[in-house]
Amino acid sequence: DVLLEDEESVIHTMNELEKKKVICGYHTIINWEKTNKDKVMALIEVDVTPERDFGYDRVAKNIYRYPEVDTMYLMSGKSEFIVIIYGRTM
């Protein structure tokens, strides 16, 4: 499809939408097969005991400080946390 707008107009509109926080960011999709980087993802269940006066907050902060940790979810059920990590190898 064609926008029927010149490039300068599109750039101006995008800049205005960014300033108004309508556009809040851009996402990158990487074709890992065309890179020389190995990358693996792991989903890990973590069992922890909440701390008196702090609950799960300090435990979660300690886990999240590792650079490999991408996402954490507090769960109900068998495990307290699900942690998604990325690394170069298993």
PDB file of N, CA and C in Angstrom:
ATOM      1  N   ASP A   1       0.826  -1.180   0.000  1.00  0.00           N
ATOM      2  CA  ASP A   1       0.000   0.000   0.000  1.00  0.00           C
ATOM      3  C   ASP A   1       0.871   1.246   0.000  1.00  0.00           C
ATOM      4  N   VAL A   2       0.348   2.299  -0.578  1.00  0.00           N
ATOM      5  CA  VAL A   2       1.078   3.551  -0.680  1.00  0.00           C
ATOM      6  C   VAL A   2       0.367   4.604   0.155  1.00  0.00           C
ATOM      7  N   LEU A   3       1.140   5.440   0.863  1.00  0.00           N
ATOM      8  CA  LEU A   3       0.553   6.476   1.710  1.00  0.00           C
ATOM      9  C   LEU A   3       0.113   7.714   0.937  1.00  0.00           C
ATOM     10  N   LEU A   4       0.657   7.898  -0.240  1.00  0.00           N
ATOM     11  CA  LEU A   4       0.390   9.102  -1.036  1.00  0.00           C
ATOM     12  C   LEU A   4       0.803  10.367  -0.286  1.00  0.00           C
ATOM     13  N   GLU A   5       1.860  10.270   0.507  1.00  0.00           N
ATOM     14  CA  GLU A   5       2.431  11.392   1.245  1.00  0.00           C
ATOM     15  C   GLU A   5       3.919  11.424   0.960  1.00  0.00           C
ATOM     16  N   ASP A   6       4.500  12.632   0.955  1.00  0.00           N
ATOM     17  CA  ASP A   6       5.939  12.703   0.769  1.00  0.00           C
ATOM     18  C   ASP A   6       6.643  12.344   2.073  1.00  0.00           C
ATOM     19  N   GLU A   7       7.894  11.973   1.975  1.00  0.00           N
ATOM     20  CA  GLU A   7       8.665  11.490   3.124  1.00  0.00           C
ATOM     21  C   GLU A   7       8.727  12.527   4.238  1.00  0.00           C
ATOM     22  N   GLU A   8       8.913  13.776   3.888  1.00  0.00           N
ATOM     23  CA  GLU A   8       9.007  14.848   4.898  1.00  0.00           C
ATOM     24  C   GLU A   8       7.710  14.960   5.712  1.00  0.00           C
ATOM     25  N   SER A   9       6.575  14.838   5.052  1.00  0.00           N
ATOM     26  CA  SER A   9       5.283  14.897   5.737  1.00  0.00           C
ATOM     27  C   SER A   9       5.107  13.737   6.703  1.00  0.00           C
ATOM     28  N   VAL A  10       5.511  12.554   6.283  1.00  0.00           N
ATOM     29  CA  VAL A  10       5.403  11.374   7.139  1.00  0.00           C
ATOM     30  C   VAL A  10       6.306  11.525   8.358  1.00  0.00           C
ATOM     31  N   ILE A  11       7.538  11.985   8.154  1.00  0.00           N
ATOM     32  CA  ILE A  11       8.470  12.194   9.263  1.00  0.00           C
ATOM     33  C   ILE A  11       7.923  13.232  10.230  1.00  0.00           C
ATOM     34  N   HIS A  12       7.357  14.318   9.707  1.00  0.00           N
ATOM     35  CA  HIS A  12       6.767  15.356  10.563  1.00  0.00           C
ATOM     36  C   HIS A  12       5.617  14.783  11.404  1.00  0.00           C
ATOM     37  N   THR A  13       4.744  14.019  10.773  1.00  0.00           N
ATOM     38  CA  THR A  13       3.616  13.419  11.486  1.00  0.00           C
ATOM     39  C   THR A  13       4.100  12.455  12.562  1.00  0.00           C
ATOM     40  N   MET A  14       5.090  11.641  12.233  1.00  0.00           N
ATOM     41  CA  MET A  14       5.632  10.713  13.227  1.00  0.00           C
ATOM     42  C   MET A  14       6.246  11.463  14.409  1.00  0.00           C
ATOM     43  N   ASN A  15       6.982  12.537  14.130  1.00  0.00           N
ATOM     44  CA  ASN A  15       7.576  13.329  15.210  1.00  0.00           C
ATOM     45  C   ASN A  15       6.506  13.940  16.104  1.00  0.00           C
ATOM     46  N   GLU A  16       5.435  14.433  15.517  1.00  0.00           N
ATOM     47  CA  GLU A  16       4.335  15.009  16.304  1.00  0.00           C
ATOM     48  C   GLU A  16       3.674  13.940  17.179  1.00  0.00           C
ATOM     49  N   LEU A  17       3.443  12.769  16.615  1.00  0.00           N
ATOM     50  CA  LEU A  17       2.828  11.688  17.386  1.00  0.00           C
ATOM     51  C   LEU A  17       3.746  11.216  18.514  1.00  0.00           C
ATOM     52  N   GLU A  18       5.052  11.244  18.293  1.00  0.00           N
ATOM     53  CA  GLU A  18       6.001  10.900  19.356  1.00  0.00           C
ATOM     54  C   GLU A  18       5.961  11.936  20.474  1.00  0.00           C
ATOM     55  N   LYS A  19       5.920  13.223  20.111  1.00  0.00           N
ATOM     56  CA  LYS A  19       5.862  14.294  21.122  1.00  0.00           C
ATOM     57  C   LYS A  19       4.598  14.201  21.968  1.00  0.00           C
ATOM     58  N   LYS A  20       3.489  13.815  21.340  1.00  0.00           N
ATOM     59  CA  LYS A  20       2.206  13.693  22.048  1.00  0.00           C
ATOM     60  C   LYS A  20       2.078  12.359  22.782  1.00  0.00           C
ATOM     61  N   LYS A  21       3.132  11.527  22.696  1.00  0.00           N
ATOM     62  CA  LYS A  21       3.150  10.206  23.332  1.00  0.00           C
ATOM     63  C   LYS A  21       2.071   9.263  22.779  1.00  0.00           C
ATOM     64  N   VAL A  22       1.639   9.496  21.530  1.00  0.00           N
ATOM     65  CA  VAL A  22       0.766   8.546  20.852  1.00  0.00           C
ATOM     66  C   VAL A  22       1.625   7.366  20.392  1.00  0.00           C
ATOM     67  N   ILE A  23       2.801   7.677  19.835  1.00  0.00           N
ATOM     68  CA  ILE A  23       3.803   6.662  19.531  1.00  0.00           C
ATOM     69  C   ILE A  23       4.783   6.684  20.685  1.00  0.00           C
ATOM     70  N   CYS A  24       4.877   5.565  21.401  1.00  0.00           N
ATOM     71  CA  CYS A  24       5.708   5.505  22.614  1.00  0.00           C
ATOM     72  C   CYS A  24       7.000   4.732  22.402  1.00  0.00           C
ATOM     73  N   GLY A  25       7.208   4.203  21.245  1.00  0.00           N
ATOM     74  CA  GLY A  25       8.433   3.462  20.989  1.00  0.00           C
ATOM     75  C   GLY A  25       8.292   2.593  19.763  1.00  0.00           C
ATOM     76  N   TYR A  26       9.393   1.951  19.429  1.00  0.00           N
ATOM     77  CA  TYR A  26       9.439   1.081  18.265  1.00  0.00           C
ATOM     78  C   TYR A  26      10.041  -0.251  18.685  1.00  0.00           C
ATOM     79  N   HIS A  27       9.616  -1.321  18.067  1.00  0.00           N
ATOM     80  CA  HIS A  27      10.115  -2.647  18.383  1.00  0.00           C
ATOM     81  C   HIS A  27      10.955  -3.163  17.227  1.00  0.00           C
ATOM     82  N   THR A  28      11.976  -3.895  17.573  1.00  0.00           N
ATOM     83  CA  THR A  28      12.864  -4.464  16.579  1.00  0.00           C
ATOM     84  C   THR A  28      12.598  -5.960  16.455  1.00  0.00           C
ATOM     85  N   ILE A  29      12.506  -6.427  15.247  1.00  0.00           N
ATOM     86  CA  ILE A  29      12.393  -7.854  14.987  1.00  0.00           C
ATOM     87  C   ILE A  29      13.691  -8.269  14.319  1.00  0.00           C
ATOM     88  N   ILE A  30      14.385  -9.224  14.931  1.00  0.00           N
ATOM     89  CA  ILE A  30      15.700  -9.637  14.443  1.00  0.00           C
ATOM     90  C   ILE A  30      15.605 -11.020  13.830  1.00  0.00           C
ATOM     91  N   ASN A  31      16.168 -11.174  12.662  1.00  0.00           N
ATOM     92  CA  ASN A  31      16.310 -12.484  12.042  1.00  0.00           C
ATOM     93  C   ASN A  31      17.625 -13.068  12.550  1.00  0.00           C
ATOM     94  N   TRP A  32      17.559 -13.873  13.621  1.00  0.00           N
ATOM     95  CA  TRP A  32      18.757 -14.389  14.282  1.00  0.00           C
ATOM     96  C   TRP A  32      19.569 -15.293  13.369  1.00  0.00           C
ATOM     97  N   GLU A  33      18.950 -15.861  12.350  1.00  0.00           N
ATOM     98  CA  GLU A  33      19.685 -16.724  11.427  1.00  0.00           C
ATOM     99  C   GLU A  33      20.700 -15.939  10.606  1.00  0.00           C
ATOM    100  N   LYS A  34      20.523 -14.629  10.487  1.00  0.00           N
ATOM    101  CA  LYS A  34      21.440 -13.799   9.709  1.00  0.00           C
ATOM    102  C   LYS A  34      22.463 -13.097  10.585  1.00  0.00           C
ATOM    103  N   THR A  35      22.519 -13.452  11.852  1.00  0.00           N
ATOM    104  CA  THR A  35      23.528 -12.885  12.746  1.00  0.00           C
ATOM    105  C   THR A  35      24.500 -13.978  13.148  1.00  0.00           C
ATOM    106  N   ASN A  36      25.594 -13.570  13.740  1.00  0.00           N
ATOM    107  CA  ASN A  36      26.545 -14.560  14.230  1.00  0.00           C
ATOM    108  C   ASN A  36      26.437 -14.691  15.751  1.00  0.00           C
ATOM    109  N   LYS A  37      25.257 -14.378  16.283  1.00  0.00           N
ATOM    110  CA  LYS A  37      25.024 -14.438  17.720  1.00  0.00           C
ATOM    111  C   LYS A  37      24.126 -15.622  18.052  1.00  0.00           C
ATOM    112  N   ASP A  38      24.578 -16.424  18.999  1.00  0.00           N
ATOM    113  CA  ASP A  38      23.730 -17.496  19.524  1.00  0.00           C
ATOM    114  C   ASP A  38      22.902 -16.909  20.656  1.00  0.00           C
ATOM    115  N   LYS A  39      21.643 -17.284  20.712  1.00  0.00           N
ATOM    116  CA  LYS A  39      20.784 -16.782  21.764  1.00  0.00           C
ATOM    117  C   LYS A  39      19.763 -17.854  22.110  1.00  0.00           C
ATOM    118  N   VAL A  40      19.640 -18.121  23.405  1.00  0.00           N
ATOM    119  CA  VAL A  40      18.640 -19.078  23.865  1.00  0.00           C
ATOM    120  C   VAL A  40      17.749 -18.402  24.888  1.00  0.00           C
ATOM    121  N   MET A  41      16.536 -18.908  25.002  1.00  0.00           N
ATOM    122  CA  MET A  41      15.579 -18.399  25.975  1.00  0.00           C
ATOM    123  C   MET A  41      15.175 -19.551  26.861  1.00  0.00           C
ATOM    124  N   ALA A  42      15.042 -19.268  28.154  1.00  0.00           N
ATOM    125  CA  ALA A  42      14.579 -20.287  29.092  1.00  0.00           C
ATOM    126  C   ALA A  42      13.476 -19.701  29.955  1.00  0.00           C
ATOM    127  N   LEU A  43      12.488 -20.527  30.240  1.00  0.00           N
ATOM    128  CA  LEU A  43      11.393 -20.163  31.129  1.00  0.00           C
ATOM    129  C   LEU A  43      11.576 -21.021  32.377  1.00  0.00           C
ATOM    130  N   ILE A  44      11.799 -20.367  33.513  1.00  0.00           N
ATOM    131  CA  ILE A  44      12.164 -21.072  34.733  1.00  0.00           C
ATOM    132  C   ILE A  44      11.126 -20.804  35.814  1.00  0.00           C
ATOM    133  N   GLU A  45      10.691 -21.862  36.487  1.00  0.00           N
ATOM    134  CA  GLU A  45       9.825 -21.721  37.652  1.00  0.00           C
ATOM    135  C   GLU A  45      10.718 -21.564  38.876  1.00  0.00           C
ATOM    136  N   VAL A  46      10.410 -20.594  39.746  1.00  0.00           N
ATOM    137  CA  VAL A  46      11.213 -20.342  40.934  1.00  0.00           C
ATOM    138  C   VAL A  46      10.321 -20.422  42.163  1.00  0.00           C
ATOM    139  N   ASP A  47      10.705 -21.291  43.088  1.00  0.00           N
ATOM    140  CA  ASP A  47       9.995 -21.413  44.363  1.00  0.00           C
ATOM    141  C   ASP A  47      10.726 -20.570  45.399  1.00  0.00           C
ATOM    142  N   VAL A  48      10.039 -19.658  46.055  1.00  0.00           N
ATOM    143  CA  VAL A  48      10.640 -18.808  47.092  1.00  0.00           C
ATOM    144  C   VAL A  48       9.669 -18.687  48.258  1.00  0.00           C
ATOM    145  N   THR A  49      10.198 -18.230  49.370  1.00  0.00           N
ATOM    146  CA  THR A  49       9.389 -17.953  50.546  1.00  0.00           C
ATOM    147  C   THR A  49       9.346 -16.444  50.729  1.00  0.00           C
ATOM    148  N   PRO A  50       8.172 -15.851  50.895  1.00  0.00           N
ATOM    149  CA  PRO A  50       8.119 -14.400  51.088  1.00  0.00           C
ATOM    150  C   PRO A  50       8.826 -13.997  52.386  1.00  0.00           C
ATOM    151  N   GLU A  51       9.453 -12.834  52.383  1.00  0.00           N
ATOM    152  CA  GLU A  51      10.157 -12.334  53.563  1.00  0.00           C
ATOM    153  C   GLU A  51       9.204 -11.551  54.449  1.00  0.00           C
ATOM    154  N   ARG A  52       9.392 -11.682  55.732  1.00  0.00           N
ATOM    155  CA  ARG A  52       8.594 -10.930  56.697  1.00  0.00           C
ATOM    156  C   ARG A  52       8.795  -9.436  56.439  1.00  0.00           C
ATOM    157  N   ASP A  53       7.728  -8.684  56.411  1.00  0.00           N
ATOM    158  CA  ASP A  53       7.696  -7.233  56.185  1.00  0.00           C
ATOM    159  C   ASP A  53       7.983  -6.809  54.738  1.00  0.00           C
ATOM    160  N   PHE A  54       8.473  -7.712  53.892  1.00  0.00           N
ATOM    161  CA  PHE A  54       8.798  -7.327  52.519  1.00  0.00           C
ATOM    162  C   PHE A  54       8.049  -8.156  51.487  1.00  0.00           C
ATOM    163  N   GLY A  55       7.465  -9.255  51.888  1.00  0.00           N
ATOM    164  CA  GLY A  55       6.775 -10.119  50.934  1.00  0.00           C
ATOM    165  C   GLY A  55       7.748 -10.653  49.896  1.00  0.00           C
ATOM    166  N   TYR A  56       7.373 -10.550  48.648  1.00  0.00           N
ATOM    167  CA  TYR A  56       8.212 -11.042  47.552  1.00  0.00           C
ATOM    168  C   TYR A  56       9.073  -9.947  46.939  1.00  0.00           C
ATOM    169  N   ASP A  57       8.907  -8.691  47.367  1.00  0.00           N
ATOM    170  CA  ASP A  57       9.564  -7.563  46.696  1.00  0.00           C
ATOM    171  C   ASP A  57      11.084  -7.685  46.643  1.00  0.00           C
ATOM    172  N   ARG A  58      11.738  -7.917  47.787  1.00  0.00           N
ATOM    173  CA  ARG A  58      13.200  -7.968  47.785  1.00  0.00           C
ATOM    174  C   ARG A  58      13.720  -9.195  47.048  1.00  0.00           C
ATOM    175  N   VAL A  59      13.008 -10.295  47.165  1.00  0.00           N
ATOM    176  CA  VAL A  59      13.404 -11.508  46.435  1.00  0.00           C
ATOM    177  C   VAL A  59      13.353 -11.240  44.938  1.00  0.00           C
ATOM    178  N   ALA A  60      12.266 -10.630  44.484  1.00  0.00           N
ATOM    179  CA  ALA A  60      12.105 -10.330  43.055  1.00  0.00           C
ATOM    180  C   ALA A  60      13.199  -9.375  42.572  1.00  0.00           C
ATOM    181  N   LYS A  61      13.516  -8.350  43.353  1.00  0.00           N
ATOM    182  CA  LYS A  61      14.576  -7.402  42.958  1.00  0.00           C
ATOM    183  C   LYS A  61      15.923  -8.098  42.837  1.00  0.00           C
ATOM    184  N   ASN A  62      16.212  -9.025  43.751  1.00  0.00           N
ATOM    185  CA  ASN A  62      17.484  -9.753  43.682  1.00  0.00           C
ATOM    186  C   ASN A  62      17.567 -10.637  42.446  1.00  0.00           C
ATOM    187  N   ILE A  63      16.474 -11.260  42.090  1.00  0.00           N
ATOM    188  CA  ILE A  63      16.464 -12.094  40.885  1.00  0.00           C
ATOM    189  C   ILE A  63      16.577 -11.212  39.643  1.00  0.00           C
ATOM    190  N   TYR A  64      15.844 -10.115  39.620  1.00  0.00           N
ATOM    191  CA  TYR A  64      15.768  -9.276  38.414  1.00  0.00           C
ATOM    192  C   TYR A  64      17.063  -8.519  38.136  1.00  0.00           C
ATOM    193  N   ARG A  65      17.958  -8.436  39.110  1.00  0.00           N
ATOM    194  CA  ARG A  65      19.207  -7.690  38.899  1.00  0.00           C
ATOM    195  C   ARG A  65      20.173  -8.389  37.958  1.00  0.00           C
ATOM    196  N   TYR A  66      19.949  -9.679  37.695  1.00  0.00           N
ATOM    197  CA  TYR A  66      20.814 -10.392  36.762  1.00  0.00           C
ATOM    198  C   TYR A  66      20.501  -9.958  35.333  1.00  0.00           C
ATOM    199  N   PRO A  67      21.533  -9.641  34.551  1.00  0.00           N
ATOM    200  CA  PRO A  67      21.287  -9.117  33.194  1.00  0.00           C
ATOM    201  C   PRO A  67      20.586 -10.109  32.275  1.00  0.00           C
ATOM    202  N   GLU A  68      20.673 -11.395  32.558  1.00  0.00           N
ATOM    203  CA  GLU A  68      20.021 -12.402  31.710  1.00  0.00           C
ATOM    204  C   GLU A  68      18.508 -12.417  31.882  1.00  0.00           C
ATOM    205  N   VAL A  69      18.021 -11.880  33.004  1.00  0.00           N
ATOM    206  CA  VAL A  69      16.580 -11.896  33.280  1.00  0.00           C
ATOM    207  C   VAL A  69      15.887 -10.858  32.411  1.00  0.00           C
ATOM    208  N   ASP A  70      14.914 -11.299  31.658  1.00  0.00           N
ATOM    209  CA  ASP A  70      14.150 -10.415  30.781  1.00  0.00           C
ATOM    210  C   ASP A  70      12.806 -10.058  31.396  1.00  0.00           C
ATOM    211  N   THR A  71      12.093 -11.042  31.917  1.00  0.00           N
ATOM    212  CA  THR A  71      10.734 -10.843  32.411  1.00  0.00           C
ATOM    213  C   THR A  71      10.500 -11.735  33.617  1.00  0.00           C
ATOM    214  N   MET A  72       9.705 -11.223  34.572  1.00  0.00           N
ATOM    215  CA  MET A  72       9.304 -12.027  35.731  1.00  0.00           C
ATOM    216  C   MET A  72       7.812 -11.885  35.939  1.00  0.00           C
ATOM    217  N   TYR A  73       7.185 -12.994  36.316  1.00  0.00           N
ATOM    218  CA  TYR A  73       5.764 -12.983  36.639  1.00  0.00           C
ATOM    219  C   TYR A  73       5.579 -13.585  38.021  1.00  0.00           C
ATOM    220  N   LEU A  74       4.794 -12.942  38.871  1.00  0.00           N
ATOM    221  CA  LEU A  74       4.393 -13.509  40.149  1.00  0.00           C
ATOM    222  C   LEU A  74       3.181 -14.389  39.872  1.00  0.00           C
ATOM    223  N   MET A  75       3.256 -15.633  40.332  1.00  0.00           N
ATOM    224  CA  MET A  75       2.227 -16.615  40.004  1.00  0.00           C
ATOM    225  C   MET A  75       1.504 -17.078  41.259  1.00  0.00           C
ATOM    226  N   SER A  76       0.360 -17.661  41.071  1.00  0.00           N
ATOM    227  CA  SER A  76      -0.289 -18.407  42.145  1.00  0.00           C
ATOM    228  C   SER A  76      -0.273 -19.862  41.709  1.00  0.00           C
ATOM    229  N   GLY A  77      -0.083 -20.748  42.667  1.00  0.00           N
ATOM    230  CA  GLY A  77      -0.014 -22.164  42.317  1.00  0.00           C
ATOM    231  C   GLY A  77       1.264 -22.783  42.808  1.00  0.00           C
ATOM    232  N   LYS A  78       1.812 -23.700  42.033  1.00  0.00           N
ATOM    233  CA  LYS A  78       2.972 -24.487  42.439  1.00  0.00           C
ATOM    234  C   LYS A  78       4.219 -23.635  42.683  1.00  0.00           C
ATOM    235  N   SER A  79       4.515 -22.688  41.806  1.00  0.00           N
ATOM    236  CA  SER A  79       5.708 -21.840  41.927  1.00  0.00           C
ATOM    237  C   SER A  79       5.301 -20.392  42.130  1.00  0.00           C
ATOM    238  N   GLU A  80       6.164 -19.648  42.820  1.00  0.00           N
ATOM    239  CA  GLU A  80       5.862 -18.240  43.065  1.00  0.00           C
ATOM    240  C   GLU A  80       6.173 -17.354  41.854  1.00  0.00           C
ATOM    241  N   PHE A  81       7.278 -17.649  41.167  1.00  0.00           N
ATOM    242  CA  PHE A  81       7.682 -16.827  40.030  1.00  0.00           C
ATOM    243  C   PHE A  81       7.894 -17.685  38.792  1.00  0.00           C
ATOM    244  N   ILE A  82       7.611 -17.086  37.649  1.00  0.00           N
ATOM    245  CA  ILE A  82       8.072 -17.586  36.358  1.00  0.00           C
ATOM    246  C   ILE A  82       9.059 -16.527  35.865  1.00  0.00           C
ATOM    247  N   VAL A  83      10.266 -16.950  35.535  1.00  0.00           N
ATOM    248  CA  VAL A  83      11.312 -16.033  35.096  1.00  0.00           C
ATOM    249  C   VAL A  83      11.709 -16.411  33.684  1.00  0.00           C
ATOM    250  N   ILE A  84      11.735 -15.424  32.788  1.00  0.00           N
ATOM    251  CA  ILE A  84      12.190 -15.647  31.421  1.00  0.00           C
ATOM    252  C   ILE A  84      13.584 -15.046  31.310  1.00  0.00           C
ATOM    253  N   ILE A  85      14.548 -15.891  30.916  1.00  0.00           N
ATOM    254  CA  ILE A  85      15.914 -15.411  30.774  1.00  0.00           C
ATOM    255  C   ILE A  85      16.398 -15.654  29.350  1.00  0.00           C
ATOM    256  N   TYR A  86      17.346 -14.835  28.930  1.00  0.00           N
ATOM    257  CA  TYR A  86      18.011 -14.997  27.640  1.00  0.00           C
ATOM    258  C   TYR A  86      19.499 -15.107  27.893  1.00  0.00           C
ATOM    259  N   GLY A  87      20.145 -15.987  27.165  1.00  0.00           N
ATOM    260  CA  GLY A  87      21.582 -16.156  27.288  1.00  0.00           C
ATOM    261  C   GLY A  87      22.183 -16.553  25.960  1.00  0.00           C
ATOM    262  N   ARG A  88      23.505 -16.651  25.931  1.00  0.00           N
ATOM    263  CA  ARG A  88      24.188 -17.022  24.687  1.00  0.00           C
ATOM    264  C   ARG A  88      24.113 -18.506  24.426  1.00  0.00           C
ATOM    265  N   THR A  89      24.160 -19.294  25.486  1.00  0.00           N
ATOM    266  CA  THR A  89      24.084 -20.749  25.328  1.00  0.00           C
ATOM    267  C   THR A  89      23.290 -21.326  26.486  1.00  0.00           C
ATOM    268  N   MET A  90      22.927 -22.591  26.385  1.00  0.00           N
ATOM    269  CA  MET A  90      22.230 -23.249  27.488  1.00  0.00           C
ATOM    270  C   MET A  90      23.162 -23.349  28.667  1.00  0.00           C
TER     271      MET A  90
END
